[in-house]
Amino acid sequence: MLAISLDTAKNLAIGGTAAFLVASVASAWIMKTIIQKLAVAVLLALLAFGVWSQRDALQHCANDVKTDFEEARANPDQNVADIETECKFFGTTITVKDPRNDDTE
């Protein structure tokens, strides 16, 4: 099974959203009839929205993981191994790393 990192998934979502939006605008210039323009523009805009909402859900899941690890740090009785560290991005499993190992703090 393909597993990618949280940062990679976020970057792919942003890139995918931008690509769909650019394709939506470009399709309006390329298509010949108004109906084709409208249909393709709406389809690509919906795809962009879908990718963006998946990215938002992924960020929400990652924030939940971070909160769970912070609560585990404050409560020594909680088993860190029980914390769910996997999120889904269009059906692909994303493993969120332990935020305690993050050097950005």
C-alpha atoms as a PDB file:
ATOM      1  CA  MET A   1       0.000   0.000   0.000  1.00  0.00           C
ATOM      2  CA  LEU A   2       1.236   3.468  -0.839  1.00  0.00           C
ATOM      3  CA  ALA A   3       1.929   5.614   2.215  1.00  0.00           C
ATOM      4  CA  ILE A   4       3.026   9.224   1.981  1.00  0.00           C
ATOM      5  CA  SER A   5       3.928  11.763   4.639  1.00  0.00           C
ATOM      6  CA  LEU A   6       1.596  14.437   5.931  1.00  0.00           C
ATOM      7  CA  ASP A   7       3.677  17.254   4.428  1.00  0.00           C
ATOM      8  CA  THR A   8       3.772  15.541   1.043  1.00  0.00           C
ATOM      9  CA  ALA A   9       0.015  15.041   1.082  1.00  0.00           C
ATOM     10  CA  LYS A  10      -0.564  18.689   1.993  1.00  0.00           C
ATOM     11  CA  ASN A  11       1.723  19.843  -0.819  1.00  0.00           C
ATOM     12  CA  LEU A  12       0.035  17.518  -3.287  1.00  0.00           C
ATOM     13  CA  ALA A  13      -3.373  18.859  -2.243  1.00  0.00           C
ATOM     14  CA  ILE A  14      -2.300  22.461  -2.719  1.00  0.00           C
ATOM     15  CA  GLY A  15      -0.706  21.651  -6.072  1.00  0.00           C
ATOM     16  CA  GLY A  16      -3.753  19.672  -7.176  1.00  0.00           C
ATOM     17  CA  THR A  17      -6.100  22.473  -6.188  1.00  0.00           C
ATOM     18  CA  ALA A  18      -4.044  25.039  -8.096  1.00  0.00           C
ATOM     19  CA  ALA A  19      -3.813  22.760 -11.142  1.00  0.00           C
ATOM     20  CA  PHE A  20      -7.576  22.203 -11.213  1.00  0.00           C
ATOM     21  CA  LEU A  21      -8.262  25.911 -10.888  1.00  0.00           C
ATOM     22  CA  VAL A  22      -5.801  26.768 -13.686  1.00  0.00           C
ATOM     23  CA  ALA A  23      -7.289  24.009 -15.845  1.00  0.00           C
ATOM     24  CA  SER A  24     -10.753  25.391 -15.111  1.00  0.00           C
ATOM     25  CA  VAL A  25      -9.813  28.847 -16.378  1.00  0.00           C
ATOM     26  CA  ALA A  26      -7.849  27.454 -19.349  1.00  0.00           C
ATOM     27  CA  SER A  27     -10.745  25.234 -20.372  1.00  0.00           C
ATOM     28  CA  ALA A  28     -13.018  28.270 -20.655  1.00  0.00           C
ATOM     29  CA  TRP A  29     -10.713  29.679 -23.335  1.00  0.00           C
ATOM     30  CA  ILE A  30     -10.214  26.406 -25.184  1.00  0.00           C
ATOM     31  CA  MET A  31     -13.732  25.010 -25.341  1.00  0.00           C
ATOM     32  CA  LYS A  32     -15.935  26.040 -28.258  1.00  0.00           C
ATOM     33  CA  THR A  33     -19.445  26.146 -26.855  1.00  0.00           C
ATOM     34  CA  ILE A  34     -20.798  27.803 -23.770  1.00  0.00           C
ATOM     35  CA  ILE A  35     -22.206  24.531 -22.407  1.00  0.00           C
ATOM     36  CA  GLN A  36     -18.852  22.781 -22.754  1.00  0.00           C
ATOM     37  CA  LYS A  37     -17.101  25.682 -21.094  1.00  0.00           C
ATOM     38  CA  LEU A  38     -19.528  25.762 -18.230  1.00  0.00           C
ATOM     39  CA  ALA A  39     -19.588  21.981 -17.725  1.00  0.00           C
ATOM     40  CA  VAL A  40     -15.806  21.587 -17.713  1.00  0.00           C
ATOM     41  CA  ALA A  41     -15.247  24.688 -15.578  1.00  0.00           C
ATOM     42  CA  VAL A  42     -17.787  23.471 -13.000  1.00  0.00           C
ATOM     43  CA  LEU A  43     -16.334  19.949 -13.022  1.00  0.00           C
ATOM     44  CA  LEU A  44     -12.788  21.178 -12.482  1.00  0.00           C
ATOM     45  CA  ALA A  45     -13.908  23.629  -9.793  1.00  0.00           C
ATOM     46  CA  LEU A  46     -15.680  20.759  -7.998  1.00  0.00           C
ATOM     47  CA  LEU A  47     -12.534  18.642  -8.230  1.00  0.00           C
ATOM     48  CA  ALA A  48     -10.507  21.526  -6.798  1.00  0.00           C
ATOM     49  CA  PHE A  49     -13.023  21.846  -3.950  1.00  0.00           C
ATOM     50  CA  GLY A  50     -12.822  18.093  -3.305  1.00  0.00           C
ATOM     51  CA  VAL A  51      -9.035  18.131  -3.094  1.00  0.00           C
ATOM     52  CA  TRP A  52      -9.080  21.198  -0.842  1.00  0.00           C
ATOM     53  CA  SER A  53     -11.663  19.682   1.502  1.00  0.00           C
ATOM     54  CA  GLN A  54      -9.627  16.455   1.728  1.00  0.00           C
ATOM     55  CA  ARG A  55      -6.588  18.556   2.605  1.00  0.00           C
ATOM     56  CA  ASP A  56      -8.612  20.327   5.291  1.00  0.00           C
ATOM     57  CA  ALA A  57      -9.789  16.982   6.710  1.00  0.00           C
ATOM     58  CA  LEU A  58      -6.187  15.749   6.699  1.00  0.00           C
ATOM     59  CA  GLN A  59      -5.062  18.837   8.619  1.00  0.00           C
ATOM     60  CA  HIS A  60      -7.878  18.327  11.124  1.00  0.00           C
ATOM     61  CA  CYS A  61      -6.810  14.698  11.635  1.00  0.00           C
ATOM     62  CA  ALA A  62      -3.168  15.754  12.110  1.00  0.00           C
ATOM     63  CA  ASN A  63      -4.237  18.340  14.693  1.00  0.00           C
ATOM     64  CA  ASP A  64      -6.183  15.627  16.534  1.00  0.00           C
ATOM     65  CA  VAL A  65      -3.069  13.426  16.606  1.00  0.00           C
ATOM     66  CA  LYS A  66      -1.002  16.321  17.963  1.00  0.00           C
ATOM     67  CA  THR A  67      -3.621  16.996  20.662  1.00  0.00           C
ATOM     68  CA  ASP A  68      -3.671  13.304  21.620  1.00  0.00           C
ATOM     69  CA  PHE A  69       0.126  13.263  21.997  1.00  0.00           C
ATOM     70  CA  GLU A  70       0.022  16.453  24.110  1.00  0.00           C
ATOM     71  CA  GLU A  71      -2.616  14.887  26.366  1.00  0.00           C
ATOM     72  CA  ALA A  72      -0.507  11.735  26.649  1.00  0.00           C
ATOM     73  CA  ARG A  73       2.476  13.838  27.663  1.00  0.00           C
ATOM     74  CA  ALA A  74       0.399  15.436  30.441  1.00  0.00           C
ATOM     75  CA  ASN A  75      -1.095  12.111  31.580  1.00  0.00           C
ATOM     76  CA  PRO A  76       1.617   9.509  32.240  1.00  0.00           C
ATOM     77  CA  ASP A  77      -1.008   6.763  32.696  1.00  0.00           C
ATOM     78  CA  GLN A  78      -2.068   6.966  29.032  1.00  0.00           C
ATOM     79  CA  ASN A  79      -0.347   4.549  26.675  1.00  0.00           C
ATOM     80  CA  VAL A  80       1.194   6.450  23.746  1.00  0.00           C
ATOM     81  CA  ALA A  81       1.038   3.304  21.621  1.00  0.00           C
ATOM     82  CA  ASP A  82      -2.772   3.534  21.692  1.00  0.00           C
ATOM     83  CA  ILE A  83      -2.790   6.874  19.857  1.00  0.00           C
ATOM     84  CA  GLU A  84      -4.073   6.625  16.281  1.00  0.00           C
ATOM     85  CA  THR A  85      -1.436   8.171  13.993  1.00  0.00           C
ATOM     86  CA  GLU A  86      -2.961   7.378  10.615  1.00  0.00           C
ATOM     87  CA  CYS A  87      -5.215   9.616   8.542  1.00  0.00           C
ATOM     88  CA  LYS A  88      -6.823   9.097   5.136  1.00  0.00           C
ATOM     89  CA  PHE A  89      -6.291  11.249   2.031  1.00  0.00           C
ATOM     90  CA  PHE A  90      -8.476  10.060  -0.863  1.00  0.00           C
ATOM     91  CA  GLY A  91      -8.283   6.557   0.589  1.00  0.00           C
ATOM     92  CA  THR A  92      -4.494   6.627   0.962  1.00  0.00           C
ATOM     93  CA  THR A  93      -3.129   6.056   4.451  1.00  0.00           C
ATOM     94  CA  ILE A  94      -1.053   8.956   5.753  1.00  0.00           C
ATOM     95  CA  THR A  95       1.076   8.348   8.837  1.00  0.00           C
ATOM     96  CA  VAL A  96       1.399  11.406  11.040  1.00  0.00           C
ATOM     97  CA  LYS A  97       4.740  11.489  12.822  1.00  0.00           C
ATOM     98  CA  ASP A  98       5.006  11.960  16.559  1.00  0.00           C
ATOM     99  CA  PRO A  99       4.932  15.752  17.072  1.00  0.00           C
ATOM    100  CA  ARG A 100       7.197  15.381  20.104  1.00  0.00           C
ATOM    101  CA  ASN A 101      10.025  14.655  17.662  1.00  0.00           C
ATOM    102  CA  ASP A 102       9.371  17.898  15.779  1.00  0.00           C
ATOM    103  CA  ASP A 103      12.406  20.209  15.870  1.00  0.00           C
ATOM    104  CA  THR A 104      10.345  23.302  15.014  1.00  0.00           C
ATOM    105  CA  GLU A 105       9.300  23.956  18.621  1.00  0.00           C
END
